Protein backbone atom coordinates (compact mmCIF):
# COMPACT_ATOMS: atom_id res chain seq x y z
CA UNK A 1 10.20 -7.13 -16.03
CA UNK A 2 12.78 -4.58 -13.93
CA UNK A 3 13.68 -3.45 -11.04
CA UNK A 4 13.39 0.15 -11.20
CA UNK A 5 14.19 2.27 -8.08
CA UNK A 6 12.77 5.95 -7.27
CA UNK A 7 13.13 8.46 -5.60
CA UNK A 8 16.89 9.42 -3.01
CA UNK A 9 17.72 5.53 -2.41
CA UNK A 10 20.24 5.10 0.43
CA UNK A 11 21.41 2.32 -1.56
CA UNK A 12 22.48 2.08 -5.33
CA UNK A 13 20.45 -0.24 -7.48
CA UNK A 14 23.45 -2.74 -7.32
CA UNK A 15 23.07 -2.96 -3.50
CA UNK A 16 18.95 -3.61 -4.13
CA UNK A 17 19.47 -6.29 -6.85
CA UNK A 18 22.10 -8.12 -4.63
CA UNK A 19 20.35 -7.92 -1.08
CA UNK A 20 16.96 -9.05 -3.06
CA UNK A 21 17.94 -11.67 -4.77
CA UNK A 22 15.14 -10.32 -7.96
CA UNK A 23 16.63 -9.83 -10.82
CA UNK A 24 15.33 -9.25 -14.32
CA UNK A 25 13.00 -11.65 -16.00
CA UNK A 26 11.91 -13.56 -13.14
CA UNK A 27 8.40 -14.73 -12.33
CA UNK A 28 6.37 -12.28 -10.21
CA UNK A 29 6.22 -13.46 -6.94
CA UNK A 30 4.75 -11.49 -4.01
CA UNK A 31 5.72 -13.25 -1.22
CA UNK A 32 9.61 -12.77 -2.70
CA UNK A 33 9.08 -8.49 -3.13
CA UNK A 34 7.61 -8.83 0.71
CA UNK A 35 10.53 -10.35 1.50
CA UNK A 36 13.30 -8.45 -1.09
CA UNK A 37 11.76 -5.13 1.20
CA UNK A 38 12.23 -6.21 4.76
CA UNK A 39 16.03 -7.33 3.47
CA UNK A 40 16.13 -4.10 2.64
CA UNK A 41 14.65 -2.83 6.20
CA UNK A 42 17.42 -4.74 7.83
CA UNK A 43 20.08 -2.98 6.35
CA UNK A 44 19.26 0.05 8.89
CA UNK A 45 20.04 2.47 5.52
CA UNK A 46 16.22 2.94 5.00
CA UNK A 47 15.29 6.48 6.79
CA UNK A 48 12.12 7.80 5.90
CA UNK A 49 9.02 6.61 3.50
CA UNK A 50 10.13 3.89 1.04
CA UNK A 51 7.86 1.18 -0.64
CA UNK A 52 8.27 -1.44 -3.47
CA UNK A 53 5.20 -2.08 -5.70
CA UNK A 54 4.61 -4.18 -8.83
CA UNK A 55 3.68 -2.12 -12.14
CA UNK A 56 2.54 -3.69 -15.31
CA UNK A 57 5.07 -2.23 -17.72
CA UNK A 58 2.85 -2.82 -20.97
CA UNK A 59 6.24 -1.69 -23.52
CA UNK A 60 7.67 -5.32 -22.74
CA UNK A 61 4.19 -6.68 -21.01
CA UNK A 62 5.96 -7.47 -18.13
CA UNK A 63 5.29 -6.17 -13.95
CA UNK A 64 8.58 -3.81 -13.32
CA UNK A 65 9.48 -4.10 -9.60
CA UNK A 66 9.65 0.00 -8.56
CA UNK A 67 11.36 0.48 -5.07
CA UNK A 68 10.51 4.56 -3.74
CA UNK A 69 12.39 5.78 -1.62
CA UNK A 70 11.63 9.66 0.02
CA UNK A 71 12.95 11.74 2.76
CA UNK A 72 9.33 12.58 4.23
C-alpha cells in the first residue's frame, strides 16, 4: 500500500519516508510499523497526539500505513 499522512504533520512526507524506511509496495510488517513510529517520536518534532494505523485500501487491495497528527 501507500504511506498516508493526515493532519498537521510536523514533518514532510519525504522526511517521514526517509525516517521510517517504509516504502510503497512492501509486505506489511507490524513490527516495522511500530518501529517507524518510534523513529518519528525520537526526532522531537512530534507535539500533541500522533498515531500510526494500518488501513485497508480496497481499491488497490493493499494495506495503507496512515500517520495521523493533531495538536490536541
